[in-house]
Amino acid sequence: MKNDFMMAINQVCHERQLAIDIVLEAVEVALVSAYKRNFGGSQSITAQIDSQSGEPLIFIEKHVVEEV
């Protein structure tokens, strides 16, 4: 079952006659931008949205070291 987030994305796709991939990519870019604005932008950040469940995922690349 899709959540409200995916239903809203599907509605935008239908109303604007856009491919879902384009809308999902735009939302992912917006999520990265919002994350960087609120939490700092010095890290490598990526976002993904599961097209089946609609769950947004944010990934932050961090470097692990033995000593600080």
PDB file of N, CA and C in Angstrom:
ATOM      1  N   MET A   1       0.838  -1.183   0.000  1.00  0.00           N
ATOM      2  CA  MET A   1       0.000   0.000   0.000  1.00  0.00           C
ATOM      3  C   MET A   1       0.881   1.243   0.000  1.00  0.00           C
ATOM      4  N   LYS A   2       0.589   2.152  -0.867  1.00  0.00           N
ATOM      5  CA  LYS A   2       1.379   3.372  -0.965  1.00  0.00           C
ATOM      6  C   LYS A   2       0.934   4.370   0.096  1.00  0.00           C
ATOM      7  N   ASN A   3       1.886   5.149   0.550  1.00  0.00           N
ATOM      8  CA  ASN A   3       1.543   6.153   1.560  1.00  0.00           C
ATOM      9  C   ASN A   3       1.120   7.465   0.903  1.00  0.00           C
ATOM     10  N   ASP A   4       0.773   8.439   1.705  1.00  0.00           N
ATOM     11  CA  ASP A   4       0.303   9.729   1.214  1.00  0.00           C
ATOM     12  C   ASP A   4       1.359  10.449   0.377  1.00  0.00           C
ATOM     13  N   PHE A   5       2.620  10.251   0.735  1.00  0.00           N
ATOM     14  CA  PHE A   5       3.714  10.903   0.019  1.00  0.00           C
ATOM     15  C   PHE A   5       3.740  10.445  -1.445  1.00  0.00           C
ATOM     16  N   MET A   6       3.673   9.148  -1.673  1.00  0.00           N
ATOM     17  CA  MET A   6       3.686   8.624  -3.043  1.00  0.00           C
ATOM     18  C   MET A   6       2.395   8.964  -3.774  1.00  0.00           C
ATOM     19  N   MET A   7       1.297   9.021  -3.069  1.00  0.00           N
ATOM     20  CA  MET A   7       0.046   9.410  -3.713  1.00  0.00           C
ATOM     21  C   MET A   7       0.131  10.855  -4.199  1.00  0.00           C
ATOM     22  N   ALA A   8       0.757  11.734  -3.406  1.00  0.00           N
ATOM     23  CA  ALA A   8       0.918  13.125  -3.808  1.00  0.00           C
ATOM     24  C   ALA A   8       1.855  13.237  -5.013  1.00  0.00           C
ATOM     25  N   ILE A   9       2.922  12.466  -5.024  1.00  0.00           N
ATOM     26  CA  ILE A   9       3.848  12.470  -6.157  1.00  0.00           C
ATOM     27  C   ILE A   9       3.146  11.971  -7.417  1.00  0.00           C
ATOM     28  N   ASN A  10       2.378  10.911  -7.291  1.00  0.00           N
ATOM     29  CA  ASN A  10       1.632  10.391  -8.440  1.00  0.00           C
ATOM     30  C   ASN A  10       0.613  11.412  -8.949  1.00  0.00           C
ATOM     31  N   GLN A  11       0.007  12.149  -8.046  1.00  0.00           N
ATOM     32  CA  GLN A  11      -0.962  13.177  -8.447  1.00  0.00           C
ATOM     33  C   GLN A  11      -0.265  14.298  -9.225  1.00  0.00           C
ATOM     34  N   VAL A  12       0.916  14.718  -8.766  1.00  0.00           N
ATOM     35  CA  VAL A  12       1.677  15.746  -9.474  1.00  0.00           C
ATOM     36  C   VAL A  12       2.062  15.243 -10.864  1.00  0.00           C
ATOM     37  N   CYS A  13       2.491  13.997 -10.947  1.00  0.00           N
ATOM     38  CA  CYS A  13       2.861  13.409 -12.239  1.00  0.00           C
ATOM     39  C   CYS A  13       1.669  13.416 -13.188  1.00  0.00           C
ATOM     40  N   HIS A  14       0.519  13.058 -12.677  1.00  0.00           N
ATOM     41  CA  HIS A  14      -0.678  13.001 -13.514  1.00  0.00           C
ATOM     42  C   HIS A  14      -1.126  14.396 -13.953  1.00  0.00           C
ATOM     43  N   GLU A  15      -1.155  15.338 -13.021  1.00  0.00           N
ATOM     44  CA  GLU A  15      -1.621  16.691 -13.330  1.00  0.00           C
ATOM     45  C   GLU A  15      -0.685  17.422 -14.289  1.00  0.00           C
ATOM     46  N   ARG A  16       0.611  17.245 -14.111  1.00  0.00           N
ATOM     47  CA  ARG A  16       1.600  17.961 -14.934  1.00  0.00           C
ATOM     48  C   ARG A  16       2.080  17.126 -16.121  1.00  0.00           C
ATOM     49  N   GLN A  17       1.618  15.888 -16.216  1.00  0.00           N
ATOM     50  CA  GLN A  17       1.993  14.961 -17.275  1.00  0.00           C
ATOM     51  C   GLN A  17       3.511  14.789 -17.340  1.00  0.00           C
ATOM     52  N   LEU A  18       4.097  14.467 -16.185  1.00  0.00           N
ATOM     53  CA  LEU A  18       5.525  14.240 -16.062  1.00  0.00           C
ATOM     54  C   LEU A  18       5.787  12.777 -15.742  1.00  0.00           C
ATOM     55  N   ALA A  19       6.962  12.314 -16.107  1.00  0.00           N
ATOM     56  CA  ALA A  19       7.366  10.956 -15.748  1.00  0.00           C
ATOM     57  C   ALA A  19       7.668  10.907 -14.254  1.00  0.00           C
ATOM     58  N   ILE A  20       7.345   9.803 -13.626  1.00  0.00           N
ATOM     59  CA  ILE A  20       7.548   9.683 -12.178  1.00  0.00           C
ATOM     60  C   ILE A  20       9.029   9.757 -11.823  1.00  0.00           C
ATOM     61  N   ASP A  21       9.904   9.276 -12.716  1.00  0.00           N
ATOM     62  CA  ASP A  21      11.343   9.329 -12.442  1.00  0.00           C
ATOM     63  C   ASP A  21      11.828  10.769 -12.304  1.00  0.00           C
ATOM     64  N   ILE A  22      11.315  11.643 -13.137  1.00  0.00           N
ATOM     65  CA  ILE A  22      11.717  13.059 -13.095  1.00  0.00           C
ATOM     66  C   ILE A  22      11.261  13.706 -11.792  1.00  0.00           C
ATOM     67  N   VAL A  23      10.048  13.421 -11.380  1.00  0.00           N
ATOM     68  CA  VAL A  23       9.518  14.005 -10.140  1.00  0.00           C
ATOM     69  C   VAL A  23      10.257  13.444  -8.929  1.00  0.00           C
ATOM     70  N   LEU A  24      10.519  12.142  -8.912  1.00  0.00           N
ATOM     71  CA  LEU A  24      11.255  11.546  -7.793  1.00  0.00           C
ATOM     72  C   LEU A  24      12.662  12.130  -7.700  1.00  0.00           C
ATOM     73  N   GLU A  25      13.313  12.329  -8.826  1.00  0.00           N
ATOM     74  CA  GLU A  25      14.657  12.910  -8.827  1.00  0.00           C
ATOM     75  C   GLU A  25      14.629  14.339  -8.294  1.00  0.00           C
ATOM     76  N   ALA A  26      13.632  15.117  -8.678  1.00  0.00           N
ATOM     77  CA  ALA A  26      13.508  16.490  -8.188  1.00  0.00           C
ATOM     78  C   ALA A  26      13.263  16.513  -6.682  1.00  0.00           C
ATOM     79  N   VAL A  27      12.451  15.611  -6.186  1.00  0.00           N
ATOM     80  CA  VAL A  27      12.179  15.549  -4.747  1.00  0.00           C
ATOM     81  C   VAL A  27      13.437  15.121  -3.993  1.00  0.00           C
ATOM     82  N   GLU A  28      14.198  14.182  -4.554  1.00  0.00           N
ATOM     83  CA  GLU A  28      15.434  13.757  -3.916  1.00  0.00           C
ATOM     84  C   GLU A  28      16.432  14.908  -3.824  1.00  0.00           C
ATOM     85  N   VAL A  29      16.559  15.702  -4.882  1.00  0.00           N
ATOM     86  CA  VAL A  29      17.445  16.867  -4.868  1.00  0.00           C
ATOM     87  C   VAL A  29      16.962  17.870  -3.821  1.00  0.00           C
ATOM     88  N   ALA A  30      15.664  18.056  -3.716  1.00  0.00           N
ATOM     89  CA  ALA A  30      15.107  18.980  -2.723  1.00  0.00           C
ATOM     90  C   ALA A  30      15.371  18.477  -1.300  1.00  0.00           C
ATOM     91  N   LEU A  31      15.299  17.177  -1.082  1.00  0.00           N
ATOM     92  CA  LEU A  31      15.588  16.620   0.244  1.00  0.00           C
ATOM     93  C   LEU A  31      17.042  16.852   0.628  1.00  0.00           C
ATOM     94  N   VAL A  32      17.956  16.660  -0.311  1.00  0.00           N
ATOM     95  CA  VAL A  32      19.378  16.897  -0.047  1.00  0.00           C
ATOM     96  C   VAL A  32      19.605  18.368   0.278  1.00  0.00           C
ATOM     97  N   SER A  33      18.994  19.249  -0.489  1.00  0.00           N
ATOM     98  CA  SER A  33      19.135  20.681  -0.258  1.00  0.00           C
ATOM     99  C   SER A  33      18.593  21.079   1.119  1.00  0.00           C
ATOM    100  N   ALA A  34      17.450  20.549   1.479  1.00  0.00           N
ATOM    101  CA  ALA A  34      16.858  20.856   2.788  1.00  0.00           C
ATOM    102  C   ALA A  34      17.725  20.325   3.918  1.00  0.00           C
ATOM    103  N   TYR A  35      18.280  19.135   3.747  1.00  0.00           N
ATOM    104  CA  TYR A  35      19.150  18.567   4.779  1.00  0.00           C
ATOM    105  C   TYR A  35      20.390  19.434   4.966  1.00  0.00           C
ATOM    106  N   LYS A  36      21.016  19.826   3.844  1.00  0.00           N
ATOM    107  CA  LYS A  36      22.221  20.652   3.931  1.00  0.00           C
ATOM    108  C   LYS A  36      21.927  21.997   4.572  1.00  0.00           C
ATOM    109  N   ARG A  37      20.775  22.568   4.281  1.00  0.00           N
ATOM    110  CA  ARG A  37      20.405  23.867   4.851  1.00  0.00           C
ATOM    111  C   ARG A  37      20.214  23.758   6.360  1.00  0.00           C
ATOM    112  N   ASN A  38      19.612  22.674   6.831  1.00  0.00           N
ATOM    113  CA  ASN A  38      19.303  22.539   8.250  1.00  0.00           C
ATOM    114  C   ASN A  38      20.438  21.944   9.079  1.00  0.00           C
ATOM    115  N   PHE A  39      21.273  21.090   8.475  1.00  0.00           N
ATOM    116  CA  PHE A  39      22.281  20.377   9.256  1.00  0.00           C
ATOM    117  C   PHE A  39      23.701  20.607   8.777  1.00  0.00           C
ATOM    118  N   GLY A  40      23.929  21.501   7.850  1.00  0.00           N
ATOM    119  CA  GLY A  40      25.275  21.774   7.349  1.00  0.00           C
ATOM    120  C   GLY A  40      25.551  20.984   6.087  1.00  0.00           C
ATOM    121  N   GLY A  41      26.347  21.561   5.216  1.00  0.00           N
ATOM    122  CA  GLY A  41      26.549  20.942   3.922  1.00  0.00           C
ATOM    123  C   GLY A  41      27.956  20.466   3.657  1.00  0.00           C
ATOM    124  N   SER A  42      28.726  20.147   4.683  1.00  0.00           N
ATOM    125  CA  SER A  42      30.106  19.756   4.466  1.00  0.00           C
ATOM    126  C   SER A  42      30.255  18.273   4.131  1.00  0.00           C
ATOM    127  N   GLN A  43      29.214  17.481   4.303  1.00  0.00           N
ATOM    128  CA  GLN A  43      29.298  16.044   4.056  1.00  0.00           C
ATOM    129  C   GLN A  43      28.757  15.708   2.673  1.00  0.00           C
ATOM    130  N   SER A  44      29.070  14.490   2.231  1.00  0.00           N
ATOM    131  CA  SER A  44      28.511  13.976   0.989  1.00  0.00           C
ATOM    132  C   SER A  44      27.159  13.339   1.325  1.00  0.00           C
ATOM    133  N   ILE A  45      26.087  13.915   0.817  1.00  0.00           N
ATOM    134  CA  ILE A  45      24.735  13.491   1.168  1.00  0.00           C
ATOM    135  C   ILE A  45      23.995  13.075  -0.097  1.00  0.00           C
ATOM    136  N   THR A  46      23.278  11.965  -0.009  1.00  0.00           N
ATOM    137  CA  THR A  46      22.415  11.526  -1.103  1.00  0.00           C
ATOM    138  C   THR A  46      21.051  11.164  -0.528  1.00  0.00           C
ATOM    139  N   ALA A  47      20.046  11.239  -1.367  1.00  0.00           N
ATOM    140  CA  ALA A  47      18.687  10.890  -0.958  1.00  0.00           C
ATOM    141  C   ALA A  47      18.111   9.909  -1.970  1.00  0.00           C
ATOM    142  N   GLN A  48      17.281   9.016  -1.488  1.00  0.00           N
ATOM    143  CA  GLN A  48      16.577   8.071  -2.344  1.00  0.00           C
ATOM    144  C   GLN A  48      15.154   7.943  -1.829  1.00  0.00           C
ATOM    145  N   ILE A  49      14.229   7.748  -2.756  1.00  0.00           N
ATOM    146  CA  ILE A  49      12.844   7.504  -2.386  1.00  0.00           C
ATOM    147  C   ILE A  49      12.455   6.160  -2.963  1.00  0.00           C
ATOM    148  N   ASP A  50      12.007   5.272  -2.105  1.00  0.00           N
ATOM    149  CA  ASP A  50      11.551   3.959  -2.557  1.00  0.00           C
ATOM    150  C   ASP A  50      10.262   4.148  -3.340  1.00  0.00           C
ATOM    151  N   SER A  51      10.274   3.783  -4.614  1.00  0.00           N
ATOM    152  CA  SER A  51       9.109   4.034  -5.467  1.00  0.00           C
ATOM    153  C   SER A  51       7.921   3.139  -5.113  1.00  0.00           C
ATOM    154  N   GLN A  52       8.152   2.056  -4.396  1.00  0.00           N
ATOM    155  CA  GLN A  52       7.056   1.173  -4.001  1.00  0.00           C
ATOM    156  C   GLN A  52       6.384   1.644  -2.709  1.00  0.00           C
ATOM    157  N   SER A  53       7.206   1.902  -1.683  1.00  0.00           N
ATOM    158  CA  SER A  53       6.641   2.275  -0.378  1.00  0.00           C
ATOM    159  C   SER A  53       6.548   3.779  -0.189  1.00  0.00           C
ATOM    160  N   GLY A  54       7.364   4.539  -0.930  1.00  0.00           N
ATOM    161  CA  GLY A  54       7.371   5.990  -0.774  1.00  0.00           C
ATOM    162  C   GLY A  54       8.223   6.468   0.373  1.00  0.00           C
ATOM    163  N   GLU A  55       9.004   5.583   0.961  1.00  0.00           N
ATOM    164  CA  GLU A  55       9.828   5.945   2.110  1.00  0.00           C
ATOM    165  C   GLU A  55      11.068   6.718   1.654  1.00  0.00           C
ATOM    166  N   PRO A  56      11.254   7.949   2.146  1.00  0.00           N
ATOM    167  CA  PRO A  56      12.461   8.696   1.797  1.00  0.00           C
ATOM    168  C   PRO A  56      13.628   8.261   2.679  1.00  0.00           C
ATOM    169  N   LEU A  57      14.796   8.119   2.074  1.00  0.00           N
ATOM    170  CA  LEU A  57      16.001   7.720   2.789  1.00  0.00           C
ATOM    171  C   LEU A  57      17.091   8.740   2.507  1.00  0.00           C
ATOM    172  N   ILE A  58      17.805   9.167   3.552  1.00  0.00           N
ATOM    173  CA  ILE A  58      18.917  10.096   3.437  1.00  0.00           C
ATOM    174  C   ILE A  58      20.178   9.348   3.841  1.00  0.00           C
ATOM    175  N   PHE A  59      21.211   9.417   2.979  1.00  0.00           N
ATOM    176  CA  PHE A  59      22.476   8.754   3.258  1.00  0.00           C
ATOM    177  C   PHE A  59      23.567   9.805   3.376  1.00  0.00           C
ATOM    178  N   ILE A  60      24.395   9.671   4.422  1.00  0.00           N
ATOM    179  CA  ILE A  60      25.506  10.585   4.660  1.00  0.00           C
ATOM    180  C   ILE A  60      26.793   9.773   4.649  1.00  0.00           C
ATOM    181  N   GLU A  61      27.728  10.169   3.805  1.00  0.00           N
ATOM    182  CA  GLU A  61      29.000   9.473   3.736  1.00  0.00           C
ATOM    183  C   GLU A  61      29.919  10.020   4.822  1.00  0.00           C
ATOM    184  N   LYS A  62      30.416   9.129   5.645  1.00  0.00           N
ATOM    185  CA  LYS A  62      31.315   9.526   6.733  1.00  0.00           C
ATOM    186  C   LYS A  62      32.589   8.707   6.633  1.00  0.00           C
ATOM    187  N   HIS A  63      33.675   9.285   7.081  1.00  0.00           N
ATOM    188  CA  HIS A  63      34.975   8.597   7.085  1.00  0.00           C
ATOM    189  C   HIS A  63      35.243   8.065   8.487  1.00  0.00           C
ATOM    190  N   VAL A  64      35.555   6.777   8.558  1.00  0.00           N
ATOM    191  CA  VAL A  64      35.866   6.133   9.826  1.00  0.00           C
ATOM    192  C   VAL A  64      37.386   6.085   9.967  1.00  0.00           C
ATOM    193  N   VAL A  65      37.878   6.538  11.119  1.00  0.00           N
ATOM    194  CA  VAL A  65      39.308   6.557  11.384  1.00  0.00           C
ATOM    195  C   VAL A  65      39.585   5.828  12.699  1.00  0.00           C
ATOM    196  N   GLU A  66      40.837   5.359  12.846  1.00  0.00           N
ATOM    197  CA  GLU A  66      41.183   4.670  14.085  1.00  0.00           C
ATOM    198  C   GLU A  66      41.290   5.641  15.256  1.00  0.00           C
ATOM    199  N   GLU A  67      41.930   6.797  15.023  1.00  0.00           N
ATOM    200  CA  GLU A  67      42.103   7.782  16.085  1.00  0.00           C
ATOM    201  C   GLU A  67      41.574   9.123  15.641  1.00  0.00           C
ATOM    202  N   VAL A  68      41.021   9.838  16.574  1.00  0.00           N
ATOM    203  CA  VAL A  68      40.517  11.173  16.286  1.00  0.00           C
ATOM    204  C   VAL A  68      41.617  12.179  16.520  1.00  0.00           C
TER     205      VAL A  68
END
